[in-house]
Structure formats: structure tokens, C-alpha cells
Amino acid sequence: MNRAPISPMDFKVTASDYDPVAQHLHFTASGTRAGVKFTVASRIKCLKDPVTPENIHLVVLLALTDIFRRPSASGR
């Protein structure tokens, strides 16, 4: 399966909240990818509590990578 290379992404987690009972991380991140500004708000399930800002950043990085790999409605 050939996948297009992922362009570099620069982002900052602007808000996050973890619900330990539901094991969900709610986050908002803003940044740029391929020269285009983006803001993403999403919720993801975590198997472990993201206890440090670095862990939250890594979890959000994985989520954004997954989101940007999905084909868009425009086919790009």
C-alpha cells in the first residue's frame, strides 16, 4: 500500500481535559501543515492516563497524524 508522505506539522495543544472514568482525552490543537493553518478539536480514548504535558503532546501528535492520513471529502 503506497501512502503519500506526511508533510511536517507544527502544532500546539491549546486545551486538553482528561476524563479518567471514560478514559477519554478531549483536546484542541492549532498549527500549520504544508503551509496551511488548522485547528482540530477531538476526543480520543487513552489506554493509560496522559499525566504529563509531554504525554498529552505525544497522544495528540498520534491523533493528528491519523486524522491527516484520512482521505478528505475533496479527495486530497
PDB file of N, CA and C in Angstrom:
ATOM      1  N   MET A   1       0.845  -1.166   0.000  1.00  0.00           N
ATOM      2  CA  MET A   1       0.000   0.000   0.000  1.00  0.00           C
ATOM      3  C   MET A   1       0.895   1.235   0.000  1.00  0.00           C
ATOM      4  N   ASN A   2       0.774   2.048  -1.018  1.00  0.00           N
ATOM      5  CA  ASN A   2       1.560   3.275  -1.107  1.00  0.00           C
ATOM      6  C   ASN A   2       0.809   4.410  -0.452  1.00  0.00           C
ATOM      7  N   ARG A   3       1.463   5.061   0.453  1.00  0.00           N
ATOM      8  CA  ARG A   3       0.872   6.230   1.119  1.00  0.00           C
ATOM      9  C   ARG A   3       1.726   7.443   0.791  1.00  0.00           C
ATOM     10  N   ALA A   4       1.051   8.554   0.630  1.00  0.00           N
ATOM     11  CA  ALA A   4       1.776   9.789   0.396  1.00  0.00           C
ATOM     12  C   ALA A   4       2.544  10.161   1.656  1.00  0.00           C
ATOM     13  N   PRO A   5       3.738  10.693   1.496  1.00  0.00           N
ATOM     14  CA  PRO A   5       4.483  11.097   2.698  1.00  0.00           C
ATOM     15  C   PRO A   5       3.742  12.195   3.442  1.00  0.00           C
ATOM     16  N   ILE A   6       3.846  12.137   4.736  1.00  0.00           N
ATOM     17  CA  ILE A   6       3.179  13.135   5.573  1.00  0.00           C
ATOM     18  C   ILE A   6       4.086  14.352   5.671  1.00  0.00           C
ATOM     19  N   SER A   7       3.512  15.508   5.381  1.00  0.00           N
ATOM     20  CA  SER A   7       4.301  16.733   5.449  1.00  0.00           C
ATOM     21  C   SER A   7       4.524  17.116   6.911  1.00  0.00           C
ATOM     22  N   PRO A   8       5.598  17.847   7.174  1.00  0.00           N
ATOM     23  CA  PRO A   8       5.885  18.265   8.549  1.00  0.00           C
ATOM     24  C   PRO A   8       4.734  19.080   9.141  1.00  0.00           C
ATOM     25  N   MET A   9       4.531  18.882  10.411  1.00  0.00           N
ATOM     26  CA  MET A   9       3.424  19.540  11.102  1.00  0.00           C
ATOM     27  C   MET A   9       3.980  20.259  12.324  1.00  0.00           C
ATOM     28  N   ASP A  10       3.576  21.487  12.492  1.00  0.00           N
ATOM     29  CA  ASP A  10       3.947  22.277  13.665  1.00  0.00           C
ATOM     30  C   ASP A  10       2.645  22.613  14.368  1.00  0.00           C
ATOM     31  N   PHE A  11       2.490  22.170  15.604  1.00  0.00           N
ATOM     32  CA  PHE A  11       1.230  22.412  16.300  1.00  0.00           C
ATOM     33  C   PHE A  11       1.462  22.629  17.789  1.00  0.00           C
ATOM     34  N   LYS A  12       0.426  23.172  18.422  1.00  0.00           N
ATOM     35  CA  LYS A  12       0.430  23.387  19.866  1.00  0.00           C
ATOM     36  C   LYS A  12      -0.917  22.930  20.405  1.00  0.00           C
ATOM     37  N   VAL A  13      -0.888  22.191  21.491  1.00  0.00           N
ATOM     38  CA  VAL A  13      -2.126  21.794  22.163  1.00  0.00           C
ATOM     39  C   VAL A  13      -2.603  23.020  22.931  1.00  0.00           C
ATOM     40  N   THR A  14      -3.748  23.560  22.532  1.00  0.00           N
ATOM     41  CA  THR A  14      -4.241  24.790  23.163  1.00  0.00           C
ATOM     42  C   THR A  14      -5.150  24.504  24.350  1.00  0.00           C
ATOM     43  N   ALA A  15      -5.767  23.333  24.391  1.00  0.00           N
ATOM     44  CA  ALA A  15      -6.620  22.953  25.524  1.00  0.00           C
ATOM     45  C   ALA A  15      -6.700  21.433  25.584  1.00  0.00           C
ATOM     46  N   SER A  16      -6.756  20.908  26.790  1.00  0.00           N
ATOM     47  CA  SER A  16      -6.937  19.463  26.951  1.00  0.00           C
ATOM     48  C   SER A  16      -7.593  19.184  28.292  1.00  0.00           C
ATOM     49  N   ASP A  17      -8.370  18.110  28.305  1.00  0.00           N
ATOM     50  CA  ASP A  17      -9.041  17.679  29.524  1.00  0.00           C
ATOM     51  C   ASP A  17      -9.168  16.167  29.464  1.00  0.00           C
ATOM     52  N   TYR A  18      -8.720  15.487  30.507  1.00  0.00           N
ATOM     53  CA  TYR A  18      -8.770  14.036  30.537  1.00  0.00           C
ATOM     54  C   TYR A  18      -9.836  13.569  31.514  1.00  0.00           C
ATOM     55  N   ASP A  19     -10.691  12.669  31.053  1.00  0.00           N
ATOM     56  CA  ASP A  19     -11.726  12.057  31.887  1.00  0.00           C
ATOM     57  C   ASP A  19     -11.247  10.651  32.242  1.00  0.00           C
ATOM     58  N   PRO A  20     -10.758  10.432  33.485  1.00  0.00           N
ATOM     59  CA  PRO A  20     -10.205   9.120  33.835  1.00  0.00           C
ATOM     60  C   PRO A  20     -11.249   8.010  33.879  1.00  0.00           C
ATOM     61  N   VAL A  21     -12.484   8.337  34.163  1.00  0.00           N
ATOM     62  CA  VAL A  21     -13.529   7.306  34.224  1.00  0.00           C
ATOM     63  C   VAL A  21     -13.801   6.752  32.828  1.00  0.00           C
ATOM     64  N   ALA A  22     -13.982   7.630  31.854  1.00  0.00           N
ATOM     65  CA  ALA A  22     -14.252   7.213  30.479  1.00  0.00           C
ATOM     66  C   ALA A  22     -12.968   6.947  29.696  1.00  0.00           C
ATOM     67  N   GLN A  23     -11.820   7.323  30.251  1.00  0.00           N
ATOM     68  CA  GLN A  23     -10.512   7.208  29.606  1.00  0.00           C
ATOM     69  C   GLN A  23     -10.472   7.959  28.271  1.00  0.00           C
ATOM     70  N   HIS A  24     -11.073   9.144  28.239  1.00  0.00           N
ATOM     71  CA  HIS A  24     -11.081   9.967  27.032  1.00  0.00           C
ATOM     72  C   HIS A  24     -10.298  11.255  27.273  1.00  0.00           C
ATOM     73  N   LEU A  25      -9.496  11.617  26.271  1.00  0.00           N
ATOM     74  CA  LEU A  25      -8.797  12.884  26.271  1.00  0.00           C
ATOM     75  C   LEU A  25      -9.487  13.789  25.260  1.00  0.00           C
ATOM     76  N   HIS A  26     -10.009  14.896  25.735  1.00  0.00           N
ATOM     77  CA  HIS A  26     -10.610  15.918  24.880  1.00  0.00           C
ATOM     78  C   HIS A  26      -9.513  16.956  24.644  1.00  0.00           C
ATOM     79  N   PHE A  27      -9.268  17.309  23.383  1.00  0.00           N
ATOM     80  CA  PHE A  27      -8.203  18.267  23.120  1.00  0.00           C
ATOM     81  C   PHE A  27      -8.553  19.202  21.972  1.00  0.00           C
ATOM     82  N   THR A  28      -7.878  20.338  21.971  1.00  0.00           N
ATOM     83  CA  THR A  28      -7.904  21.283  20.862  1.00  0.00           C
ATOM     84  C   THR A  28      -6.452  21.590  20.540  1.00  0.00           C
ATOM     85  N   ALA A  29      -6.121  21.511  19.259  1.00  0.00           N
ATOM     86  CA  ALA A  29      -4.758  21.799  18.815  1.00  0.00           C
ATOM     87  C   ALA A  29      -4.813  22.706  17.596  1.00  0.00           C
ATOM     88  N   SER A  30      -3.869  23.629  17.521  1.00  0.00           N
ATOM     89  CA  SER A  30      -3.765  24.533  16.373  1.00  0.00           C
ATOM     90  C   SER A  30      -2.343  24.511  15.871  1.00  0.00           C
ATOM     91  N   GLY A  31      -2.193  24.722  14.562  1.00  0.00           N
ATOM     92  CA  GLY A  31      -0.853  24.750  13.994  1.00  0.00           C
ATOM     93  C   GLY A  31      -0.887  24.903  12.498  1.00  0.00           C
ATOM     94  N   THR A  32       0.211  24.474  11.863  1.00  0.00           N
ATOM     95  CA  THR A  32       0.310  24.523  10.405  1.00  0.00           C
ATOM     96  C   THR A  32       0.808  23.192   9.880  1.00  0.00           C
ATOM     97  N   ARG A  33       0.335  22.863   8.696  1.00  0.00           N
ATOM     98  CA  ARG A  33       0.778  21.665   7.997  1.00  0.00           C
ATOM     99  C   ARG A  33       0.795  21.996   6.523  1.00  0.00           C
ATOM    100  N   ALA A  34       1.918  21.825   5.878  1.00  0.00           N
ATOM    101  CA  ALA A  34       2.085  22.137   4.456  1.00  0.00           C
ATOM    102  C   ALA A  34       1.686  23.578   4.164  1.00  0.00           C
ATOM    103  N   GLY A  35       1.975  24.480   5.089  1.00  0.00           N
ATOM    104  CA  GLY A  35       1.681  25.888   4.889  1.00  0.00           C
ATOM    105  C   GLY A  35       0.237  26.285   5.125  1.00  0.00           C
ATOM    106  N   VAL A  36      -0.580  25.355   5.571  1.00  0.00           N
ATOM    107  CA  VAL A  36      -1.999  25.620   5.819  1.00  0.00           C
ATOM    108  C   VAL A  36      -2.245  25.602   7.320  1.00  0.00           C
ATOM    109  N   LYS A  37      -2.943  26.630   7.812  1.00  0.00           N
ATOM    110  CA  LYS A  37      -3.279  26.681   9.236  1.00  0.00           C
ATOM    111  C   LYS A  37      -4.454  25.763   9.522  1.00  0.00           C
ATOM    112  N   PHE A  38      -4.424  25.123  10.695  1.00  0.00           N
ATOM    113  CA  PHE A  38      -5.522  24.250  11.088  1.00  0.00           C
ATOM    114  C   PHE A  38      -5.797  24.388  12.579  1.00  0.00           C
ATOM    115  N   THR A  39      -7.026  24.055  12.937  1.00  0.00           N
ATOM    116  CA  THR A  39      -7.441  23.892  14.325  1.00  0.00           C
ATOM    117  C   THR A  39      -8.281  22.633  14.379  1.00  0.00           C
ATOM    118  N   VAL A  40      -7.944  21.741  15.293  1.00  0.00           N
ATOM    119  CA  VAL A  40      -8.653  20.475  15.435  1.00  0.00           C
ATOM    120  C   VAL A  40      -9.118  20.350  16.872  1.00  0.00           C
ATOM    121  N   ALA A  41     -10.363  19.981  17.038  1.00  0.00           N
ATOM    122  CA  ALA A  41     -10.904  19.642  18.358  1.00  0.00           C
ATOM    123  C   ALA A  41     -11.420  18.217  18.252  1.00  0.00           C
ATOM    124  N   SER A  42     -10.995  17.362  19.160  1.00  0.00           N
ATOM    125  CA  SER A  42     -11.377  15.959  19.055  1.00  0.00           C
ATOM    126  C   SER A  42     -11.358  15.300  20.429  1.00  0.00           C
ATOM    127  N   ARG A  43     -11.783  14.064  20.449  1.00  0.00           N
ATOM    128  CA  ARG A  43     -11.797  13.246  21.663  1.00  0.00           C
ATOM    129  C   ARG A  43     -11.231  11.896  21.277  1.00  0.00           C
ATOM    130  N   ILE A  44     -10.292  11.390  22.073  1.00  0.00           N
ATOM    131  CA  ILE A  44      -9.711  10.086  21.794  1.00  0.00           C
ATOM    132  C   ILE A  44      -9.641   9.269  23.076  1.00  0.00           C
ATOM    133  N   LYS A  45      -9.679   7.965  22.900  1.00  0.00           N
ATOM    134  CA  LYS A  45      -9.597   7.054  24.036  1.00  0.00           C
ATOM    135  C   LYS A  45      -8.138   6.746  24.325  1.00  0.00           C
ATOM    136  N   CYS A  46      -7.760   6.803  25.590  1.00  0.00           N
ATOM    137  CA  CYS A  46      -6.391   6.527  26.021  1.00  0.00           C
ATOM    138  C   CYS A  46      -6.382   5.272  26.885  1.00  0.00           C
ATOM    139  N   LEU A  47      -5.402   4.412  26.669  1.00  0.00           N
ATOM    140  CA  LEU A  47      -5.285   3.216  27.489  1.00  0.00           C
ATOM    141  C   LEU A  47      -4.613   3.505  28.822  1.00  0.00           C
ATOM    142  N   LYS A  48      -3.789   4.556  28.853  1.00  0.00           N
ATOM    143  CA  LYS A  48      -3.127   4.998  30.088  1.00  0.00           C
ATOM    144  C   LYS A  48      -3.401   6.481  30.263  1.00  0.00           C
ATOM    145  N   ASP A  49      -3.423   6.928  31.500  1.00  0.00           N
ATOM    146  CA  ASP A  49      -3.611   8.348  31.778  1.00  0.00           C
ATOM    147  C   ASP A  49      -2.417   9.144  31.251  1.00  0.00           C
ATOM    148  N   PRO A  50      -2.650  10.164  30.424  1.00  0.00           N
ATOM    149  CA  PRO A  50      -1.547  11.028  29.988  1.00  0.00           C
ATOM    150  C   PRO A  50      -1.256  12.046  31.095  1.00  0.00           C
ATOM    151  N   VAL A  51      -0.308  11.730  31.953  1.00  0.00           N
ATOM    152  CA  VAL A  51      -0.108  12.503  33.182  1.00  0.00           C
ATOM    153  C   VAL A  51       0.768  13.736  33.011  1.00  0.00           C
ATOM    154  N   THR A  52       1.567  13.810  31.966  1.00  0.00           N
ATOM    155  CA  THR A  52       2.450  14.967  31.782  1.00  0.00           C
ATOM    156  C   THR A  52       2.071  15.708  30.497  1.00  0.00           C
ATOM    157  N   PRO A  53       2.437  16.964  30.390  1.00  0.00           N
ATOM    158  CA  PRO A  53       2.193  17.700  29.136  1.00  0.00           C
ATOM    159  C   PRO A  53       2.872  17.036  27.931  1.00  0.00           C
ATOM    160  N   GLU A  54       4.027  16.418  28.162  1.00  0.00           N
ATOM    161  CA  GLU A  54       4.723  15.728  27.074  1.00  0.00           C
ATOM    162  C   GLU A  54       3.911  14.535  26.580  1.00  0.00           C
ATOM    163  N   ASN A  55       3.306  13.790  27.513  1.00  0.00           N
ATOM    164  CA  ASN A  55       2.469  12.646  27.128  1.00  0.00           C
ATOM    165  C   ASN A  55       1.241  13.106  26.353  1.00  0.00           C
ATOM    166  N   ILE A  56       0.624  14.191  26.795  1.00  0.00           N
ATOM    167  CA  ILE A  56      -0.535  14.735  26.090  1.00  0.00           C
ATOM    168  C   ILE A  56      -0.130  15.146  24.680  1.00  0.00           C
ATOM    169  N   HIS A  57       1.024  15.808  24.548  1.00  0.00           N
ATOM    170  CA  HIS A  57       1.514  16.237  23.235  1.00  0.00           C
ATOM    171  C   HIS A  57       1.708  15.027  22.309  1.00  0.00           C
ATOM    172  N   LEU A  58       2.289  13.947  22.827  1.00  0.00           N
ATOM    173  CA  LEU A  58       2.507  12.752  22.015  1.00  0.00           C
ATOM    174  C   LEU A  58       1.197  12.090  21.607  1.00  0.00           C
ATOM    175  N   VAL A  59       0.242  12.031  22.524  1.00  0.00           N
ATOM    176  CA  VAL A  59      -1.065  11.453  22.206  1.00  0.00           C
ATOM    177  C   VAL A  59      -1.755  12.276  21.123  1.00  0.00           C
ATOM    178  N   VAL A  60      -1.690  13.596  21.240  1.00  0.00           N
ATOM    179  CA  VAL A  60      -2.301  14.479  20.243  1.00  0.00           C
ATOM    180  C   VAL A  60      -1.575  14.345  18.905  1.00  0.00           C
ATOM    181  N   LEU A  61      -0.255  14.218  18.930  1.00  0.00           N
ATOM    182  CA  LEU A  61       0.511  14.028  17.697  1.00  0.00           C
ATOM    183  C   LEU A  61       0.043  12.768  16.966  1.00  0.00           C
ATOM    184  N   LEU A  62      -0.130  11.685  17.690  1.00  0.00           N
ATOM    185  CA  LEU A  62      -0.623  10.452  17.065  1.00  0.00           C
ATOM    186  C   LEU A  62      -2.031  10.635  16.503  1.00  0.00           C
ATOM    187  N   ALA A  63      -2.879  11.315  17.243  1.00  0.00           N
ATOM    188  CA  ALA A  63      -4.253  11.545  16.773  1.00  0.00           C
ATOM    189  C   ALA A  63      -4.262  12.414  15.519  1.00  0.00           C
ATOM    190  N   LEU A  64      -3.470  13.485  15.508  1.00  0.00           N
ATOM    191  CA  LEU A  64      -3.416  14.359  14.336  1.00  0.00           C
ATOM    192  C   LEU A  64      -2.848  13.630  13.127  1.00  0.00           C
ATOM    193  N   THR A  65      -1.836  12.811  13.342  1.00  0.00           N
ATOM    194  CA  THR A  65      -1.267  12.027  12.244  1.00  0.00           C
ATOM    195  C   THR A  65      -2.335  11.133  11.636  1.00  0.00           C
ATOM    196  N   ASP A  66      -3.123  10.497  12.479  1.00  0.00           N
ATOM    197  CA  ASP A  66      -4.206   9.644  11.994  1.00  0.00           C
ATOM    198  C   ASP A  66      -5.263  10.466  11.258  1.00  0.00           C
ATOM    199  N   ILE A  67      -5.628  11.602  11.806  1.00  0.00           N
ATOM    200  CA  ILE A  67      -6.648  12.454  11.186  1.00  0.00           C
ATOM    201  C   ILE A  67      -6.188  12.923   9.802  1.00  0.00           C
ATOM    202  N   PHE A  68      -4.944  13.346   9.678  1.00  0.00           N
ATOM    203  CA  PHE A  68      -4.454  13.862   8.400  1.00  0.00           C
ATOM    204  C   PHE A  68      -4.167  12.771   7.381  1.00  0.00           C
ATOM    205  N   ARG A  69      -4.094  11.520   7.792  1.00  0.00           N
ATOM    206  CA  ARG A  69      -3.915  10.416   6.841  1.00  0.00           C
ATOM    207  C   ARG A  69      -5.235  10.022   6.181  1.00  0.00           C
ATOM    208  N   ARG A  70      -6.339  10.348   6.798  1.00  0.00           N
ATOM    209  CA  ARG A  70      -7.648  10.004   6.230  1.00  0.00           C
ATOM    210  C   ARG A  70      -7.902  10.808   4.964  1.00  0.00           C
ATOM    211  N   PRO A  71      -8.520  10.173   3.980  1.00  0.00           N
ATOM    212  CA  PRO A  71      -8.868  10.952   2.780  1.00  0.00           C
ATOM    213  C   PRO A  71      -9.960  11.969   3.113  1.00  0.00           C
ATOM    214  N   SER A  72      -9.837  13.134   2.510  1.00  0.00           N
ATOM    215  CA  SER A  72     -10.832  14.165   2.749  1.00  0.00           C
ATOM    216  C   SER A  72     -11.957  14.045   1.740  1.00  0.00           C
ATOM    217  N   ALA A  73     -13.003  14.804   1.970  1.00  0.00           N
ATOM    218  CA  ALA A  73     -14.146  14.781   1.050  1.00  0.00           C
ATOM    219  C   ALA A  73     -13.740  15.248  -0.345  1.00  0.00           C
ATOM    220  N   SER A  74     -12.722  16.086  -0.422  1.00  0.00           N
ATOM    221  CA  SER A  74     -12.273  16.595  -1.729  1.00  0.00           C
ATOM    222  C   SER A  74     -11.356  15.599  -2.441  1.00  0.00           C
ATOM    223  N   GLY A  75     -10.960  14.534  -1.743  1.00  0.00           N
ATOM    224  CA  GLY A  75     -10.080  13.541  -2.346  1.00  0.00           C
ATOM    225  C   GLY A  75      -8.612  13.866  -2.201  1.00  0.00           C
ATOM    226  N   ARG A  76      -8.277  14.901  -1.439  1.00  0.00           N
ATOM    227  CA  ARG A  76      -6.866  15.291  -1.244  1.00  0.00           C
ATOM    228  C   ARG A  76      -6.337  14.755   0.060  1.00  0.00           C
TER     229      ARG A  76
END
